[in-house]
Structure formats: C-alpha cells, structure tokens
C-alpha cells in the first residue's frame, strides 16, 4: 500500500511539473503571438501608407503619359 501511494505521489508530482512547464510554454507562445500581431499591424500600416503614396504619385502623372 505504501509503495502504491509513493508511486501515485510521484505521478502526481510529474503531472504538476508538466502543468507548470506547459503554462510557461503557453505564456511564451502568448507573448510571441502578441508580438507577431503587433508586427502584422505595423506592416499593414506601412503597406497602406506605401499604397496611398503610390496612388498619390500616379495621380500626379499627366494623362498623356498614362
């Protein structure tokens, strides 16, 4: 009986350790996702600004050159 309890205790400790590890990994992944989302938004804003600038330049081209 005592050995069964010790085995069960060891398994519980392993599960607890795994839960802690997975929570830490989850936090890292959440931070990576947030950083990727921020970069995506920045790139989208940059692309929008570039598109608007190009459209403005195209509008300045004389009609006979288009």
N, C-alpha and C. Protein backbone atom coordinates (compact mmCIF):
# COMPACT_ATOMS: atom_id res chain seq x y z
N UNK A 1 0.83 -1.20 0.00
CA UNK A 1 0.00 0.00 0.00
C UNK A 1 0.86 1.25 0.00
N UNK A 2 1.91 1.23 0.83
CA UNK A 2 2.78 2.40 0.92
C UNK A 2 3.50 2.66 -0.41
N UNK A 3 3.93 1.59 -1.07
CA UNK A 3 4.62 1.77 -2.35
C UNK A 3 3.66 2.29 -3.41
N UNK A 4 2.40 1.87 -3.33
CA UNK A 4 1.40 2.37 -4.28
C UNK A 4 1.17 3.87 -4.08
N UNK A 5 1.13 4.28 -2.83
CA UNK A 5 0.95 5.71 -2.54
C UNK A 5 2.16 6.52 -3.01
N UNK A 6 3.35 5.95 -2.82
CA UNK A 6 4.56 6.65 -3.27
C UNK A 6 4.58 6.75 -4.80
N UNK A 7 4.15 5.68 -5.46
CA UNK A 7 4.08 5.72 -6.93
C UNK A 7 3.06 6.75 -7.39
N UNK A 8 1.93 6.78 -6.73
CA UNK A 8 0.90 7.77 -7.07
C UNK A 8 1.40 9.19 -6.82
N UNK A 9 2.10 9.37 -5.70
CA UNK A 9 2.66 10.69 -5.39
C UNK A 9 3.67 11.12 -6.45
N UNK A 10 4.49 10.19 -6.90
CA UNK A 10 5.48 10.50 -7.94
C UNK A 10 4.77 10.90 -9.24
N UNK A 11 3.72 10.18 -9.59
CA UNK A 11 2.98 10.52 -10.81
C UNK A 11 2.31 11.88 -10.69
N UNK A 12 1.76 12.18 -9.53
CA UNK A 12 1.14 13.49 -9.31
C UNK A 12 2.17 14.59 -9.43
N UNK A 13 3.36 14.37 -8.88
CA UNK A 13 4.43 15.36 -8.99
C UNK A 13 4.83 15.57 -10.45
N UNK A 14 4.84 14.48 -11.22
CA UNK A 14 5.16 14.60 -12.65
C UNK A 14 4.09 15.42 -13.37
N UNK A 15 2.84 15.16 -13.04
CA UNK A 15 1.74 15.91 -13.67
C UNK A 15 1.82 17.38 -13.30
N UNK A 16 2.09 17.67 -12.03
CA UNK A 16 2.21 19.06 -11.59
C UNK A 16 3.36 19.75 -12.32
N UNK A 17 4.51 19.05 -12.44
CA UNK A 17 5.65 19.62 -13.15
C UNK A 17 5.30 19.87 -14.61
N UNK A 18 4.59 18.94 -15.22
CA UNK A 18 4.19 19.12 -16.62
C UNK A 18 3.24 20.29 -16.77
N UNK A 19 2.31 20.45 -15.85
CA UNK A 19 1.38 21.58 -15.89
C UNK A 19 2.16 22.89 -15.81
N UNK A 20 3.13 22.96 -14.91
CA UNK A 20 3.94 24.19 -14.78
C UNK A 20 4.71 24.46 -16.08
N UNK A 21 5.27 23.40 -16.66
CA UNK A 21 6.02 23.56 -17.91
C UNK A 21 5.11 24.05 -19.03
N UNK A 22 3.94 23.44 -19.13
CA UNK A 22 3.01 23.83 -20.19
C UNK A 22 2.49 25.24 -20.00
N UNK A 23 2.28 25.65 -18.77
CA UNK A 23 1.85 27.03 -18.52
C UNK A 23 2.93 28.02 -18.94
N UNK A 24 4.19 27.67 -18.63
CA UNK A 24 5.30 28.54 -19.02
C UNK A 24 5.40 28.63 -20.54
N UNK A 25 5.28 27.49 -21.21
CA UNK A 25 5.31 27.48 -22.68
C UNK A 25 4.14 28.28 -23.25
N UNK A 26 2.99 28.15 -22.63
CA UNK A 26 1.81 28.88 -23.08
C UNK A 26 2.03 30.39 -22.96
N UNK A 27 2.65 30.81 -21.86
CA UNK A 27 2.94 32.24 -21.69
C UNK A 27 3.90 32.72 -22.78
N UNK A 28 4.91 31.92 -23.09
CA UNK A 28 5.86 32.29 -24.14
C UNK A 28 5.14 32.41 -25.48
N UNK A 29 4.28 31.43 -25.77
CA UNK A 29 3.54 31.46 -27.03
C UNK A 29 2.59 32.64 -27.11
N UNK A 30 1.95 32.98 -26.00
CA UNK A 30 1.07 34.15 -25.98
C UNK A 30 1.87 35.42 -26.28
N UNK A 31 3.05 35.53 -25.70
CA UNK A 31 3.89 36.70 -25.96
C UNK A 31 4.34 36.75 -27.42
N UNK A 32 4.68 35.58 -27.97
CA UNK A 32 5.08 35.53 -29.38
C UNK A 32 3.91 35.91 -30.29
N UNK A 33 2.73 35.44 -29.94
CA UNK A 33 1.54 35.80 -30.73
C UNK A 33 1.27 37.30 -30.67
N UNK A 34 1.41 37.87 -29.50
CA UNK A 34 1.18 39.32 -29.36
C UNK A 34 2.20 40.10 -30.17
N UNK A 35 3.45 39.65 -30.13
CA UNK A 35 4.50 40.33 -30.91
C UNK A 35 4.24 40.19 -32.40
N UNK A 36 3.83 39.01 -32.83
CA UNK A 36 3.54 38.78 -34.25
C UNK A 36 2.35 39.64 -34.70
N UNK A 37 1.35 39.74 -33.86
CA UNK A 37 0.19 40.56 -34.19
C UNK A 37 0.56 42.04 -34.30
N UNK A 38 1.41 42.49 -33.38
CA UNK A 38 1.85 43.88 -33.43
C UNK A 38 2.67 44.14 -34.70
N UNK A 39 3.52 43.18 -35.06
CA UNK A 39 4.31 43.33 -36.29
C UNK A 39 3.40 43.33 -37.52
N UNK A 40 2.40 42.45 -37.51
CA UNK A 40 1.45 42.39 -38.63
C UNK A 40 0.73 43.72 -38.80
N UNK A 41 0.27 44.29 -37.69
CA UNK A 41 -0.41 45.58 -37.77
C UNK A 41 0.52 46.68 -38.27
N UNK A 42 1.76 46.65 -37.81
CA UNK A 42 2.74 47.64 -38.27
C UNK A 42 2.98 47.50 -39.77
N UNK A 43 3.17 46.26 -40.22
CA UNK A 43 3.40 46.03 -41.64
C UNK A 43 2.19 46.44 -42.48
N UNK A 44 1.02 46.16 -41.95
CA UNK A 44 -0.20 46.55 -42.68
C UNK A 44 -0.28 48.07 -42.80
N UNK A 45 0.04 48.78 -41.74
CA UNK A 45 0.02 50.24 -41.78
C UNK A 45 1.07 50.76 -42.76
N UNK A 46 2.24 50.12 -42.76
CA UNK A 46 3.30 50.52 -43.68
C UNK A 46 2.86 50.29 -45.13
N UNK A 47 2.23 49.15 -45.39
CA UNK A 47 1.76 48.86 -46.74
C UNK A 47 0.66 49.83 -47.16
N UNK A 48 -0.21 50.17 -46.26
CA UNK A 48 -1.27 51.12 -46.57
C UNK A 48 -0.68 52.49 -46.90
N UNK A 49 0.29 52.92 -46.11
CA UNK A 49 0.93 54.21 -46.37
C UNK A 49 1.64 54.20 -47.72
N UNK A 50 2.32 53.08 -48.03
CA UNK A 50 3.02 52.98 -49.31
C UNK A 50 2.03 53.00 -50.47
N UNK A 51 0.91 52.28 -50.32
CA UNK A 51 -0.10 52.26 -51.38
C UNK A 51 -0.67 53.66 -51.62
N UNK A 52 -0.98 54.36 -50.52
CA UNK A 52 -1.53 55.70 -50.64
C UNK A 52 -0.53 56.64 -51.30
N UNK A 53 0.74 56.46 -50.95
CA UNK A 53 1.77 57.31 -51.55
C UNK A 53 1.89 57.04 -53.05
N UNK A 54 1.87 55.75 -53.41
CA UNK A 54 1.94 55.40 -54.83
C UNK A 54 0.73 55.90 -55.59
N UNK A 55 -0.44 55.78 -55.00
CA UNK A 55 -1.65 56.28 -55.64
C UNK A 55 -1.56 57.79 -55.85
N UNK A 56 -1.00 58.48 -54.85
CA UNK A 56 -0.82 59.92 -54.99
C UNK A 56 0.15 60.26 -56.11
N UNK A 57 1.21 59.48 -56.24
CA UNK A 57 2.17 59.72 -57.31
C UNK A 57 1.56 59.42 -58.68
N UNK A 58 0.79 58.35 -58.76
CA UNK A 58 0.13 58.00 -60.03
C UNK A 58 -0.84 59.11 -60.43
N UNK A 59 -1.53 59.67 -59.47
CA UNK A 59 -2.48 60.75 -59.77
C UNK A 59 -1.78 61.98 -60.31
N UNK A 60 -0.51 62.15 -60.00
CA UNK A 60 0.24 63.32 -60.48
C UNK A 60 0.80 63.14 -61.89
N UNK A 61 0.76 61.90 -62.40
CA UNK A 61 1.27 61.66 -63.74
C UNK A 61 0.30 62.26 -64.74
N UNK A 62 0.82 62.99 -65.69
CA UNK A 62 -0.05 63.60 -66.70
C UNK A 62 -0.85 62.53 -67.45
N UNK A 63 -2.04 62.89 -67.90
CA UNK A 63 -2.93 61.95 -68.57
C UNK A 63 -2.30 61.33 -69.80
N UNK A 64 -1.56 62.11 -70.61
CA UNK A 64 -0.99 61.59 -71.83
C UNK A 64 0.16 60.62 -71.58
N UNK A 65 0.69 60.59 -70.36
CA UNK A 65 1.79 59.67 -70.03
C UNK A 65 1.25 58.35 -69.50
N UNK A 66 -0.03 58.28 -69.21
CA UNK A 66 -0.58 57.03 -68.65
C UNK A 66 -0.94 56.11 -69.72
